[in-house]
Amino acid sequence: MSQSDSNFTVNRRRFLQTTTAGVAALATGAAIPGLVSAKDKKPADSNGPEAIVEHLYDSLTPKQKEDVTFDWNYKDPKRGLLRTRVANNWQVTKPELDSDYYTSDQQKMVRDIFEGLVSEEWIAKFDQQLDDDAGGFGAEQAIAIFGKPGTDQFEFVLTGRHMTMRCDGNSAEHVAFGGPIFYGHAASGFNEGPDHVGSVFWHQALKANEVYKILDGKQQKQALHNKTPREQNSGFQGPNGNFTGIPIADLSSDQKEAVEDTLKSLVEPYRQKDRDEVAACLKTMGGLDSCHLTFYSDKDIGNDKVWDNWRLEGPSFVWHFRGNPHVHVWVNVADSPKVKLNA
């Protein structure tokens, strides 16, 4: 797969039209007409992934329900609140999706849920990641359902190597994506080279590095930090947090536009509903102007000053991109810093 950034570029005007009045308004935190609040309830799409979760739940045998369904706030003795847990390589329950534990119809429903959670143009890219990292969709993957689908509280969770996805029908209040998510890719081996050949996500880092390139010398010094934080540390700092890097509010209009393009590349793999929730959460907490952008110099593969590790962070917004030794991305977005991360 070519890693040319042009393969992933979406026309800026088209993106701004399709993300409910545009990410650009987030730079100032201005009101955005038509945004869906992260906590507002909307009727489920009869053909959408939430509706399929309900059909999947109804198809489960008593034994399957015992193994893979849980109360909304179920706490695992070792892993804590299981519904909100996120990790880079894990199975939320023991039964593997591609085993004969599930019927072919149930496997098909899970696949349909997955396809409903991502944008159409990204299905093949996620499949490439799954082929490279786990041997294909369903391999080393597991699911769980929390609460009862069709009610005001339910959530479907899909986990595996380099993937945690959620489908919640806005049941989980205050958060985007239903809670923290994870994506990653080891496209060319565990220790990738500086060009991350074949990575379906590396273009996001290239977008962020375009921002760095148009900063002046003083700004670059402010944006660059010499120590990458522990990647799992993706909890919220709140409005009075000790943020590193350069404040987006201090950037010029063209620099802010480049940050907006980076944000566009971050959210584009996911369905429109989840993009809207990200926008709504970010707007509530002051928009991109409330965020900082940090690049980390200590893990620069190839010493090429194309920074493999970086983070876009605000009071209740964390998008942590770790590119060394291969891509890991931790995402945690909410409209309140009081939401806790379970990693």
C-alpha atoms as a PDB file:
ATOM      1  CA  MET A   1       0.000   0.000   0.000  1.00  0.00           C
ATOM      2  CA  SER A   2       1.335   3.385  -0.954  1.00  0.00           C
ATOM      3  CA  GLN A   3       1.920   5.738   1.933  1.00  0.00           C
ATOM      4  CA  SER A   4       1.537   8.832  -0.202  1.00  0.00           C
ATOM      5  CA  ASP A   5      -0.375  11.389   1.762  1.00  0.00           C
ATOM      6  CA  SER A   6      -2.408  12.126  -1.339  1.00  0.00           C
ATOM      7  CA  ASN A   7      -4.114   8.760  -0.937  1.00  0.00           C
ATOM      8  CA  PHE A   8      -5.707  10.003   2.235  1.00  0.00           C
ATOM      9  CA  THR A   9      -6.379  13.643   1.450  1.00  0.00           C
ATOM     10  CA  VAL A  10     -10.006  14.724   1.498  1.00  0.00           C
ATOM     11  CA  ASN A  11     -10.932  17.951  -0.193  1.00  0.00           C
ATOM     12  CA  ARG A  12     -10.973  20.589   2.542  1.00  0.00           C
ATOM     13  CA  ARG A  13     -14.187  22.199   1.355  1.00  0.00           C
ATOM     14  CA  ARG A  14     -15.981  18.834   1.212  1.00  0.00           C
ATOM     15  CA  PHE A  15     -14.824  17.999   4.723  1.00  0.00           C
ATOM     16  CA  LEU A  16     -15.968  21.280   6.176  1.00  0.00           C
ATOM     17  CA  GLN A  17     -19.376  20.778   4.581  1.00  0.00           C
ATOM     18  CA  THR A  18     -19.773  17.260   5.952  1.00  0.00           C
ATOM     19  CA  THR A  19     -18.689  17.894   9.524  1.00  0.00           C
ATOM     20  CA  THR A  20     -21.661  19.985  10.596  1.00  0.00           C
ATOM     21  CA  ALA A  21     -20.508  23.477   9.703  1.00  0.00           C
ATOM     22  CA  GLY A  22     -16.842  22.645   9.859  1.00  0.00           C
ATOM     23  CA  VAL A  23     -13.955  22.012  12.165  1.00  0.00           C
ATOM     24  CA  ALA A  24     -12.751  25.534  11.504  1.00  0.00           C
ATOM     25  CA  ALA A  25     -15.274  26.932  13.963  1.00  0.00           C
ATOM     26  CA  LEU A  26     -13.701  24.779  16.651  1.00  0.00           C
ATOM     27  CA  ALA A  27     -10.558  26.872  16.572  1.00  0.00           C
ATOM     28  CA  THR A  28     -12.361  29.644  18.392  1.00  0.00           C
ATOM     29  CA  GLY A  29     -15.038  27.607  20.128  1.00  0.00           C
ATOM     30  CA  ALA A  30     -17.725  29.550  18.309  1.00  0.00           C
ATOM     31  CA  ALA A  31     -21.261  28.226  18.160  1.00  0.00           C
ATOM     32  CA  ILE A  32     -21.732  25.630  15.433  1.00  0.00           C
ATOM     33  CA  PRO A  33     -25.302  25.303  14.128  1.00  0.00           C
ATOM     34  CA  GLY A  34     -26.705  21.791  13.974  1.00  0.00           C
ATOM     35  CA  LEU A  35     -24.123  20.098  16.171  1.00  0.00           C
ATOM     36  CA  VAL A  36     -25.294  16.984  18.000  1.00  0.00           C
ATOM     37  CA  SER A  37     -24.627  17.212  21.720  1.00  0.00           C
ATOM     38  CA  ALA A  38     -22.652  14.279  23.056  1.00  0.00           C
ATOM     39  CA  LYS A  39     -25.403  13.624  25.585  1.00  0.00           C
ATOM     40  CA  ASP A  40     -28.463  14.184  23.391  1.00  0.00           C
ATOM     41  CA  LYS A  41     -30.446  11.070  22.510  1.00  0.00           C
ATOM     42  CA  LYS A  42     -31.574  10.491  18.952  1.00  0.00           C
ATOM     43  CA  PRO A  43     -33.765   7.703  17.573  1.00  0.00           C
ATOM     44  CA  ALA A  44     -31.666   4.764  16.461  1.00  0.00           C
ATOM     45  CA  ASP A  45     -31.196   4.287  12.737  1.00  0.00           C
ATOM     46  CA  SER A  46     -33.112   1.111  11.884  1.00  0.00           C
ATOM     47  CA  ASN A  47     -30.230   0.098   9.622  1.00  0.00           C
ATOM     48  CA  GLY A  48     -27.431   1.519  11.770  1.00  0.00           C
ATOM     49  CA  PRO A  49     -24.958  -0.312  13.969  1.00  0.00           C
ATOM     50  CA  GLU A  50     -26.961   0.341  17.151  1.00  0.00           C
ATOM     51  CA  ALA A  51     -29.958  -1.466  15.659  1.00  0.00           C
ATOM     52  CA  ILE A  52     -27.717  -4.362  14.634  1.00  0.00           C
ATOM     53  CA  VAL A  53     -26.385  -4.575  18.200  1.00  0.00           C
ATOM     54  CA  GLU A  54     -29.980  -5.099  19.336  1.00  0.00           C
ATOM     55  CA  HIS A  55     -30.459  -7.922  16.813  1.00  0.00           C
ATOM     56  CA  LEU A  56     -27.154  -9.464  17.862  1.00  0.00           C
ATOM     57  CA  TYR A  57     -28.149  -9.352  21.513  1.00  0.00           C
ATOM     58  CA  ASP A  58     -31.480 -11.035  20.753  1.00  0.00           C
ATOM     59  CA  SER A  59     -29.668 -13.807  18.852  1.00  0.00           C
ATOM     60  CA  LEU A  60     -27.394 -14.752  21.754  1.00  0.00           C
ATOM     61  CA  THR A  61     -27.997 -18.018  23.554  1.00  0.00           C
ATOM     62  CA  PRO A  62     -28.293 -18.017  27.365  1.00  0.00           C
ATOM     63  CA  LYS A  63     -24.704 -19.303  27.552  1.00  0.00           C
ATOM     64  CA  GLN A  64     -23.453 -16.567  25.243  1.00  0.00           C
ATOM     65  CA  LYS A  65     -25.264 -13.918  27.263  1.00  0.00           C
ATOM     66  CA  GLU A  66     -23.615 -15.299  30.384  1.00  0.00           C
ATOM     67  CA  ASP A  67     -20.185 -14.989  28.762  1.00  0.00           C
ATOM     68  CA  VAL A  68     -20.298 -11.734  26.781  1.00  0.00           C
ATOM     69  CA  THR A  69     -23.055  -9.516  28.231  1.00  0.00           C
ATOM     70  CA  PHE A  70     -22.769  -7.474  31.397  1.00  0.00           C
ATOM     71  CA  ASP A  71     -24.550  -4.911  33.505  1.00  0.00           C
ATOM     72  CA  TRP A  72     -23.867  -1.313  32.489  1.00  0.00           C
ATOM     73  CA  ASN A  73     -21.471  -0.645  35.370  1.00  0.00           C
ATOM     74  CA  TYR A  74     -19.975  -4.128  35.716  1.00  0.00           C
ATOM     75  CA  LYS A  75     -16.567  -4.090  37.396  1.00  0.00           C
ATOM     76  CA  ASP A  76     -14.108  -6.844  36.589  1.00  0.00           C
ATOM     77  CA  PRO A  77     -12.163  -7.926  39.712  1.00  0.00           C
ATOM     78  CA  LYS A  78      -8.837  -7.359  37.938  1.00  0.00           C
ATOM     79  CA  ARG A  79      -9.616  -4.822  35.217  1.00  0.00           C
ATOM     80  CA  GLY A  80     -12.017  -2.439  36.910  1.00  0.00           C
ATOM     81  CA  LEU A  81     -14.981  -0.862  35.097  1.00  0.00           C
ATOM     82  CA  LEU A  82     -14.898  -3.113  32.064  1.00  0.00           C
ATOM     83  CA  ARG A  83     -17.100  -0.989  29.808  1.00  0.00           C
ATOM     84  CA  THR A  84     -14.624   1.904  29.790  1.00  0.00           C
ATOM     85  CA  ARG A  85     -11.394  -0.077  29.629  1.00  0.00           C
ATOM     86  CA  VAL A  86      -9.021   0.547  26.715  1.00  0.00           C
ATOM     87  CA  ALA A  87      -5.708  -1.085  25.813  1.00  0.00           C
ATOM     88  CA  ASN A  88      -3.462  -1.585  22.809  1.00  0.00           C
ATOM     89  CA  ASN A  89      -3.896  -5.390  22.641  1.00  0.00           C
ATOM     90  CA  TRP A  90      -6.639  -7.088  24.603  1.00  0.00           C
ATOM     91  CA  GLN A  91      -9.827  -9.128  24.531  1.00  0.00           C
ATOM     92  CA  VAL A  92     -12.768  -7.826  26.514  1.00  0.00           C
ATOM     93  CA  THR A  93     -14.170 -11.391  26.789  1.00  0.00           C
ATOM     94  CA  LYS A  94     -12.673 -14.846  26.183  1.00  0.00           C
ATOM     95  CA  PRO A  95     -14.590 -16.121  23.125  1.00  0.00           C
ATOM     96  CA  GLU A  96     -12.795 -15.172  19.915  1.00  0.00           C
ATOM     97  CA  LEU A  97     -14.952 -13.697  17.207  1.00  0.00           C
ATOM     98  CA  ASP A  98     -13.784 -16.001  14.404  1.00  0.00           C
ATOM     99  CA  SER A  99     -14.301 -19.202  16.419  1.00  0.00           C
ATOM    100  CA  ASP A 100     -17.269 -21.549  16.172  1.00  0.00           C
ATOM    101  CA  TYR A 101     -18.510 -20.069  19.449  1.00  0.00           C
ATOM    102  CA  TYR A 102     -20.466 -17.630  17.279  1.00  0.00           C
ATOM    103  CA  THR A 103     -22.764 -18.549  14.430  1.00  0.00           C
ATOM    104  CA  SER A 104     -21.999 -17.257  10.958  1.00  0.00           C
ATOM    105  CA  ASP A 105     -25.022 -14.939  11.243  1.00  0.00           C
ATOM    106  CA  GLN A 106     -23.692 -13.498  14.495  1.00  0.00           C
ATOM    107  CA  GLN A 107     -20.248 -13.014  12.960  1.00  0.00           C
ATOM    108  CA  LYS A 108     -21.885 -11.239  10.034  1.00  0.00           C
ATOM    109  CA  MET A 109     -23.767  -8.927  12.396  1.00  0.00           C
ATOM    110  CA  VAL A 110     -20.541  -8.014  14.200  1.00  0.00           C
ATOM    111  CA  ARG A 111     -18.936  -7.281  10.855  1.00  0.00           C
ATOM    112  CA  ASP A 112     -21.889  -5.074   9.898  1.00  0.00           C
ATOM    113  CA  ILE A 113     -21.605  -3.203  13.209  1.00  0.00           C
ATOM    114  CA  PHE A 114     -17.904  -2.622  12.560  1.00  0.00           C
ATOM    115  CA  GLU A 115     -18.546  -1.347   9.039  1.00  0.00           C
ATOM    116  CA  GLY A 116     -21.210   0.998  10.407  1.00  0.00           C
ATOM    117  CA  LEU A 117     -18.750   2.549  12.862  1.00  0.00           C
ATOM    118  CA  VAL A 118     -16.168   3.589  10.265  1.00  0.00           C
ATOM    119  CA  SER A 119     -16.411   5.732   7.163  1.00  0.00           C
ATOM    120  CA  GLU A 120     -16.941   3.750   3.970  1.00  0.00           C
ATOM    121  CA  GLU A 121     -13.630   4.761   2.430  1.00  0.00           C
ATOM    122  CA  TRP A 122     -11.804   3.477   5.526  1.00  0.00           C
ATOM    123  CA  ILE A 123     -13.193  -0.063   5.643  1.00  0.00           C
ATOM    124  CA  ALA A 124     -10.457  -1.424   3.377  1.00  0.00           C
ATOM    125  CA  LYS A 125      -7.776   0.434   5.333  1.00  0.00           C
ATOM    126  CA  PHE A 126      -8.918  -1.005   8.648  1.00  0.00           C
ATOM    127  CA  ASP A 127      -9.029  -4.424   6.996  1.00  0.00           C
ATOM    128  CA  GLN A 128      -5.429  -3.935   5.900  1.00  0.00           C
ATOM    129  CA  GLN A 129      -4.450  -3.106   9.469  1.00  0.00           C
ATOM    130  CA  LEU A 130      -6.268  -6.184  10.780  1.00  0.00           C
ATOM    131  CA  ASP A 131      -4.679  -8.416   8.130  1.00  0.00           C
ATOM    132  CA  ASP A 132      -1.192  -7.182   9.027  1.00  0.00           C
ATOM    133  CA  ASP A 133      -1.619  -7.206  12.806  1.00  0.00           C
ATOM    134  CA  ALA A 134      -3.956 -10.096  13.582  1.00  0.00           C
ATOM    135  CA  GLY A 135      -4.533 -12.192  10.479  1.00  0.00           C
ATOM    136  CA  GLY A 136      -7.808 -10.596   9.447  1.00  0.00           C
ATOM    137  CA  PHE A 137     -11.097  -9.389  10.856  1.00  0.00           C
ATOM    138  CA  GLY A 138     -12.307 -11.582  13.720  1.00  0.00           C
ATOM    139  CA  ALA A 139      -8.924 -13.098  14.488  1.00  0.00           C
ATOM    140  CA  GLU A 140      -7.835 -12.467  18.079  1.00  0.00           C
ATOM    141  CA  GLN A 141     -10.860 -10.192  18.491  1.00  0.00           C
ATOM    142  CA  ALA A 142     -13.621 -10.291  21.082  1.00  0.00           C
ATOM    143  CA  ILE A 143     -16.860  -8.469  21.832  1.00  0.00           C
ATOM    144  CA  ALA A 144     -18.965  -7.524  24.832  1.00  0.00           C
ATOM    145  CA  ILE A 145     -22.352  -5.871  25.287  1.00  0.00           C
ATOM    146  CA  PHE A 146     -23.083  -3.752  28.357  1.00  0.00           C
ATOM    147  CA  GLY A 147     -26.635  -2.916  29.403  1.00  0.00           C
ATOM    148  CA  LYS A 148     -29.582  -3.926  27.238  1.00  0.00           C
ATOM    149  CA  PRO A 149     -29.659  -2.799  23.605  1.00  0.00           C
ATOM    150  CA  GLY A 150     -32.776  -0.854  22.752  1.00  0.00           C
ATOM    151  CA  THR A 151     -32.827   0.896  26.123  1.00  0.00           C
ATOM    152  CA  ASP A 152     -31.267   4.204  27.180  1.00  0.00           C
ATOM    153  CA  GLN A 153     -28.115   2.436  28.378  1.00  0.00           C
ATOM    154  CA  PHE A 154     -26.205  -0.009  26.234  1.00  0.00           C
ATOM    155  CA  GLU A 155     -22.805  -0.277  24.648  1.00  0.00           C
ATOM    156  CA  PHE A 156     -21.143  -2.713  22.266  1.00  0.00           C
ATOM    157  CA  VAL A 157     -17.351  -3.027  22.539  1.00  0.00           C
ATOM    158  CA  LEU A 158     -15.051  -4.609  19.927  1.00  0.00           C
ATOM    159  CA  THR A 159     -11.455  -5.304  20.974  1.00  0.00           C
ATOM    160  CA  GLY A 160      -8.310  -6.949  19.661  1.00  0.00           C
ATOM    161  CA  ARG A 161      -4.767  -6.133  18.679  1.00  0.00           C
ATOM    162  CA  HIS A 162      -4.512  -2.440  17.865  1.00  0.00           C
ATOM    163  CA  MET A 163      -8.265  -1.882  18.072  1.00  0.00           C
ATOM    164  CA  THR A 164     -10.852  -0.799  20.613  1.00  0.00           C
ATOM    165  CA  MET A 165     -14.147   0.425  19.109  1.00  0.00           C
ATOM    166  CA  ARG A 166     -17.479   1.245  20.720  1.00  0.00           C
ATOM    167  CA  CYS A 167     -21.095   1.580  19.652  1.00  0.00           C
ATOM    168  CA  ASP A 168     -23.343   3.149  22.260  1.00  0.00           C
ATOM    169  CA  GLY A 169     -26.230   5.050  20.682  1.00  0.00           C
ATOM    170  CA  ASN A 170     -25.236   8.047  22.833  1.00  0.00           C
ATOM    171  CA  SER A 171     -25.881   6.000  25.985  1.00  0.00           C
ATOM    172  CA  ALA A 172     -22.539   7.009  27.491  1.00  0.00           C
ATOM    173  CA  GLU A 173     -23.057  10.651  28.393  1.00  0.00           C
ATOM    174  CA  HIS A 174     -20.436  13.356  27.931  1.00  0.00           C
ATOM    175  CA  VAL A 175     -18.077  11.278  25.739  1.00  0.00           C
ATOM    176  CA  ALA A 176     -17.359  10.853  22.043  1.00  0.00           C
ATOM    177  CA  PHE A 177     -16.983   7.374  20.521  1.00  0.00           C
ATOM    178  CA  GLY A 178     -18.828   5.919  23.536  1.00  0.00           C
ATOM    179  CA  GLY A 179     -15.634   6.268  25.564  1.00  0.00           C
ATOM    180  CA  PRO A 180     -11.875   5.979  25.014  1.00  0.00           C
ATOM    181  CA  ILE A 181     -10.797   4.160  21.865  1.00  0.00           C
ATOM    182  CA  PHE A 182      -7.539   2.869  20.425  1.00  0.00           C
ATOM    183  CA  TYR A 183      -6.138   2.241  16.963  1.00  0.00           C
ATOM    184  CA  GLY A 184      -2.711   1.268  15.677  1.00  0.00           C
ATOM    185  CA  HIS A 185      -0.749  -0.568  13.001  1.00  0.00           C
ATOM    186  CA  ALA A 186       2.545  -2.454  12.806  1.00  0.00           C
ATOM    187  CA  ALA A 187       2.606  -2.436   9.020  1.00  0.00           C
ATOM    188  CA  SER A 188       6.226  -3.363   8.375  1.00  0.00           C
ATOM    189  CA  GLY A 189       7.192  -5.203  11.544  1.00  0.00           C
ATOM    190  CA  PHE A 190       7.359  -4.323  15.217  1.00  0.00           C
ATOM    191  CA  ASN A 191      10.202  -1.849  14.673  1.00  0.00           C
ATOM    192  CA  GLU A 192       9.247   0.290  11.711  1.00  0.00           C
ATOM    193  CA  GLY A 193      11.532   2.502   9.691  1.00  0.00           C
ATOM    194  CA  PRO A 194      11.244   6.287   9.538  1.00  0.00           C
ATOM    195  CA  ASP A 195       8.849   6.163   6.581  1.00  0.00           C
ATOM    196  CA  HIS A 196       6.453   3.677   8.236  1.00  0.00           C
ATOM    197  CA  VAL A 197       5.946   1.894   4.928  1.00  0.00           C
ATOM    198  CA  GLY A 198       2.407   0.581   4.501  1.00  0.00           C
ATOM    199  CA  SER A 199       0.972   2.198   7.625  1.00  0.00           C
ATOM    200  CA  VAL A 200      -2.619   3.268   7.076  1.00  0.00           C
ATOM    201  CA  PHE A 201      -2.345   5.846   9.860  1.00  0.00           C
ATOM    202  CA  TRP A 202       1.085   7.415   9.311  1.00  0.00           C
ATOM    203  CA  HIS A 203      -0.401  10.168   7.129  1.00  0.00           C
ATOM    204  CA  GLN A 204      -1.887  11.609  10.324  1.00  0.00           C
ATOM    205  CA  ALA A 205       1.606  12.154  11.714  1.00  0.00           C
ATOM    206  CA  LEU A 206       2.693  13.701   8.435  1.00  0.00           C
ATOM    207  CA  LYS A 207      -0.206  16.147   8.718  1.00  0.00           C
ATOM    208  CA  ALA A 208       0.862  17.093  12.242  1.00  0.00           C
ATOM    209  CA  ASN A 209       4.458  17.510  11.092  1.00  0.00           C
ATOM    210  CA  GLU A 210       3.255  19.933   8.429  1.00  0.00           C
ATOM    211  CA  VAL A 211       2.118  22.132  11.303  1.00  0.00           C
ATOM    212  CA  TYR A 212       5.555  21.928  12.890  1.00  0.00           C
ATOM    213  CA  LYS A 213       7.241  22.915   9.625  1.00  0.00           C
ATOM    214  CA  ILE A 214       5.327  26.201   9.354  1.00  0.00           C
ATOM    215  CA  LEU A 215       6.078  27.263  12.927  1.00  0.00           C
ATOM    216  CA  ASP A 216       8.838  29.821  13.303  1.00  0.00           C
ATOM    217  CA  GLY A 217      11.991  28.984  15.246  1.00  0.00           C
ATOM    218  CA  LYS A 218      10.692  30.227  18.586  1.00  0.00           C
ATOM    219  CA  GLN A 219       7.399  28.401  18.125  1.00  0.00           C
ATOM    220  CA  GLN A 220       9.155  25.157  17.187  1.00  0.00           C
ATOM    221  CA  LYS A 221      11.217  25.349  20.331  1.00  0.00           C
ATOM    222  CA  GLN A 222       8.048  25.835  22.361  1.00  0.00           C
ATOM    223  CA  ALA A 223       6.257  22.959  20.610  1.00  0.00           C
ATOM    224  CA  LEU A 224       9.109  20.449  20.985  1.00  0.00           C
ATOM    225  CA  HIS A 225       9.451  18.493  24.222  1.00  0.00           C
ATOM    226  CA  ASN A 226      12.291  16.112  25.031  1.00  0.00           C
ATOM    227  CA  LYS A 227      10.338  13.358  26.794  1.00  0.00           C
ATOM    228  CA  THR A 228       7.374  11.364  25.464  1.00  0.00           C
ATOM    229  CA  PRO A 229       4.870  10.716  28.250  1.00  0.00           C
ATOM    230  CA  ARG A 230       3.678   7.189  28.958  1.00  0.00           C
ATOM    231  CA  GLU A 231       1.240   6.521  26.142  1.00  0.00           C
ATOM    232  CA  GLN A 232      -1.433   5.083  28.427  1.00  0.00           C
ATOM    233  CA  ASN A 233      -1.523   8.386  30.324  1.00  0.00           C
ATOM    234  CA  SER A 234      -4.447   9.728  28.353  1.00  0.00           C
ATOM    235  CA  GLY A 235      -6.665  10.928  31.175  1.00  0.00           C
ATOM    236  CA  PHE A 236      -7.919  14.496  31.269  1.00  0.00           C
ATOM    237  CA  GLN A 237      -6.028  17.335  32.937  1.00  0.00           C
ATOM    238  CA  GLY A 238      -8.927  19.781  32.982  1.00  0.00           C
ATOM    239  CA  PRO A 239      -8.756  23.506  32.180  1.00  0.00           C
ATOM    240  CA  ASN A 240      -5.954  24.131  34.687  1.00  0.00           C
ATOM    241  CA  GLY A 241      -3.759  21.274  33.499  1.00  0.00           C
ATOM    242  CA  ASN A 242       0.006  21.416  33.112  1.00  0.00           C
ATOM    243  CA  PHE A 243       0.080  21.236  29.315  1.00  0.00           C
ATOM    244  CA  THR A 244       3.272  21.018  27.288  1.00  0.00           C
ATOM    245  CA  GLY A 245       3.774  22.264  23.759  1.00  0.00           C
ATOM    246  CA  ILE A 246       2.392  25.280  21.984  1.00  0.00           C
ATOM    247  CA  PRO A 247      -1.108  26.674  22.606  1.00  0.00           C
ATOM    248  CA  ILE A 248      -3.250  26.577  19.484  1.00  0.00           C
ATOM    249  CA  ALA A 249      -4.683  29.937  20.545  1.00  0.00           C
ATOM    250  CA  ASP A 250      -1.261  31.523  19.956  1.00  0.00           C
ATOM    251  CA  LEU A 251      -0.991  30.384  16.339  1.00  0.00           C
ATOM    252  CA  SER A 252      -1.584  32.484  13.244  1.00  0.00           C
ATOM    253  CA  SER A 253      -4.621  31.843  11.057  1.00  0.00           C
ATOM    254  CA  ASP A 254      -2.694  29.728   8.534  1.00  0.00           C
ATOM    255  CA  GLN A 255      -1.096  27.705  11.319  1.00  0.00           C
ATOM    256  CA  LYS A 256      -4.508  27.104  12.892  1.00  0.00           C
ATOM    257  CA  GLU A 257      -5.786  25.987   9.521  1.00  0.00           C
ATOM    258  CA  ALA A 258      -3.016  23.379   9.406  1.00  0.00           C
ATOM    259  CA  VAL A 259      -4.054  22.150  12.852  1.00  0.00           C
ATOM    260  CA  GLU A 260      -7.636  21.906  11.605  1.00  0.00           C
ATOM    261  CA  ASP A 261      -6.391  19.794   8.693  1.00  0.00           C
ATOM    262  CA  THR A 262      -4.631  17.540  11.186  1.00  0.00           C
ATOM    263  CA  LEU A 263      -7.818  17.160  13.190  1.00  0.00           C
ATOM    264  CA  LYS A 264      -9.665  16.367   9.982  1.00  0.00           C
ATOM    265  CA  SER A 265      -7.256  13.514   9.274  1.00  0.00           C
ATOM    266  CA  LEU A 266      -7.719  12.189  12.817  1.00  0.00           C
ATOM    267  CA  VAL A 267     -11.506  11.937  12.707  1.00  0.00           C
ATOM    268  CA  GLU A 268     -12.014  10.963   9.066  1.00  0.00           C
ATOM    269  CA  PRO A 269     -11.739   7.174   9.625  1.00  0.00           C
ATOM    270  CA  TYR A 270     -14.924   7.189  11.695  1.00  0.00           C
ATOM    271  CA  ARG A 271     -18.634   7.570  10.943  1.00  0.00           C
ATOM    272  CA  GLN A 272     -20.177  11.020  10.763  1.00  0.00           C
ATOM    273  CA  LYS A 273     -22.076  10.607  14.031  1.00  0.00           C
ATOM    274  CA  ASP A 274     -18.852  10.118  15.961  1.00  0.00           C
ATOM    275  CA  ARG A 275     -17.157  12.999  14.143  1.00  0.00           C
ATOM    276  CA  ASP A 276     -20.044  15.202  15.241  1.00  0.00           C
ATOM    277  CA  GLU A 277     -19.667  14.078  18.846  1.00  0.00           C
ATOM    278  CA  VAL A 278     -15.959  14.930  18.778  1.00  0.00           C
ATOM    279  CA  ALA A 279     -16.835  18.387  17.446  1.00  0.00           C
ATOM    280  CA  ALA A 280     -19.526  18.884  20.084  1.00  0.00           C
ATOM    281  CA  CYS A 281     -17.269  17.841  22.953  1.00  0.00           C
ATOM    282  CA  LEU A 282     -14.407  20.012  21.751  1.00  0.00           C
ATOM    283  CA  LYS A 283     -16.688  23.001  21.263  1.00  0.00           C
ATOM    284  CA  THR A 284     -18.052  22.678  24.806  1.00  0.00           C
ATOM    285  CA  MET A 285     -14.544  22.882  26.243  1.00  0.00           C
ATOM    286  CA  GLY A 286     -13.416  25.903  24.219  1.00  0.00           C
ATOM    287  CA  GLY A 287     -12.573  24.481  20.804  1.00  0.00           C
ATOM    288  CA  LEU A 288      -9.114  23.952  19.402  1.00  0.00           C
ATOM    289  CA  ASP A 289      -8.058  27.226  21.015  1.00  0.00           C
ATOM    290  CA  SER A 290      -8.155  25.410  24.354  1.00  0.00           C
ATOM    291  CA  CYS A 291      -5.709  22.755  23.118  1.00  0.00           C
ATOM    292  CA  HIS A 292      -1.934  22.412  22.955  1.00  0.00           C
ATOM    293  CA  LEU A 293       0.164  20.603  20.352  1.00  0.00           C
ATOM    294  CA  THR A 294       3.357  18.863  21.479  1.00  0.00           C
ATOM    295  CA  PHE A 295       6.022  17.032  19.477  1.00  0.00           C
ATOM    296  CA  TYR A 296       8.501  14.712  21.215  1.00  0.00           C
ATOM    297  CA  SER A 297      12.161  14.580  20.208  1.00  0.00           C
ATOM    298  CA  ASP A 298      13.284  11.538  22.220  1.00  0.00           C
ATOM    299  CA  LYS A 299      11.831   8.829  19.937  1.00  0.00           C
ATOM    300  CA  ASP A 300      12.696  10.156  16.485  1.00  0.00           C
ATOM    301  CA  ILE A 301      13.128   7.148  14.201  1.00  0.00           C
ATOM    302  CA  GLY A 302      15.980   7.801  11.796  1.00  0.00           C
ATOM    303  CA  ASN A 303      16.799  11.139  13.437  1.00  0.00           C
ATOM    304  CA  ASP A 304      15.079  12.835  10.516  1.00  0.00           C
ATOM    305  CA  LYS A 305      13.190  15.415  12.602  1.00  0.00           C
ATOM    306  CA  VAL A 306       9.899  14.078  11.324  1.00  0.00           C
ATOM    307  CA  TRP A 307       8.500  13.621  14.802  1.00  0.00           C
ATOM    308  CA  ASP A 308       7.066  10.130  15.261  1.00  0.00           C
ATOM    309  CA  ASN A 309       5.468  10.899  18.630  1.00  0.00           C
ATOM    310  CA  TRP A 310       3.127  13.837  19.215  1.00  0.00           C
ATOM    311  CA  ARG A 311      -0.008  14.782  21.081  1.00  0.00           C
ATOM    312  CA  LEU A 312      -2.955  17.142  20.599  1.00  0.00           C
ATOM    313  CA  GLU A 313      -4.407  17.804  24.036  1.00  0.00           C
ATOM    314  CA  GLY A 314      -7.006  20.004  25.710  1.00  0.00           C
ATOM    315  CA  PRO A 315      -8.900  20.057  29.014  1.00  0.00           C
ATOM    316  CA  SER A 316     -10.962  16.987  28.054  1.00  0.00           C
ATOM    317  CA  PHE A 317      -9.397  16.057  24.725  1.00  0.00           C
ATOM    318  CA  VAL A 318      -6.434  13.712  24.234  1.00  0.00           C
ATOM    319  CA  TRP A 319      -5.236  12.377  20.883  1.00  0.00           C
ATOM    320  CA  HIS A 320      -1.874  10.763  21.621  1.00  0.00           C
ATOM    321  CA  PHE A 321       0.020   9.504  18.560  1.00  0.00           C
ATOM    322  CA  ARG A 322       2.979   7.215  19.247  1.00  0.00           C
ATOM    323  CA  GLY A 323       4.857   6.266  16.085  1.00  0.00           C
ATOM    324  CA  ASN A 324       7.888   4.604  17.678  1.00  0.00           C
ATOM    325  CA  PRO A 325       8.424   1.636  17.316  1.00  0.00           C
ATOM    326  CA  HIS A 326       5.130   1.419  15.380  1.00  0.00           C
ATOM    327  CA  VAL A 327       1.852   3.293  15.447  1.00  0.00           C
ATOM    328  CA  HIS A 328      -0.232   3.337  18.641  1.00  0.00           C
ATOM    329  CA  VAL A 329      -2.944   5.989  19.011  1.00  0.00           C
ATOM    330  CA  TRP A 330      -4.887   6.617  22.200  1.00  0.00           C
ATOM    331  CA  VAL A 331      -8.060   8.707  21.898  1.00  0.00           C
ATOM    332  CA  ASN A 332     -10.069  10.126  24.784  1.00  0.00           C
ATOM    333  CA  VAL A 333     -12.619  12.890  24.082  1.00  0.00           C
ATOM    334  CA  ALA A 334     -15.366  14.235  26.334  1.00  0.00           C
ATOM    335  CA  ASP A 335     -17.277  17.421  27.118  1.00  0.00           C
ATOM    336  CA  SER A 336     -16.205  17.317  30.764  1.00  0.00           C
ATOM    337  CA  PRO A 337     -12.787  16.683  32.356  1.00  0.00           C
ATOM    338  CA  LYS A 338     -14.522  14.724  35.137  1.00  0.00           C
ATOM    339  CA  VAL A 339     -14.846  11.644  32.899  1.00  0.00           C
ATOM    340  CA  LYS A 340     -12.344   8.995  34.038  1.00  0.00           C
ATOM    341  CA  LEU A 341     -10.172   6.831  31.795  1.00  0.00           C
ATOM    342  CA  ASN A 342      -9.841   3.117  32.572  1.00  0.00           C
ATOM    343  CA  ALA A 343      -6.634   1.990  30.836  1.00  0.00           C
END
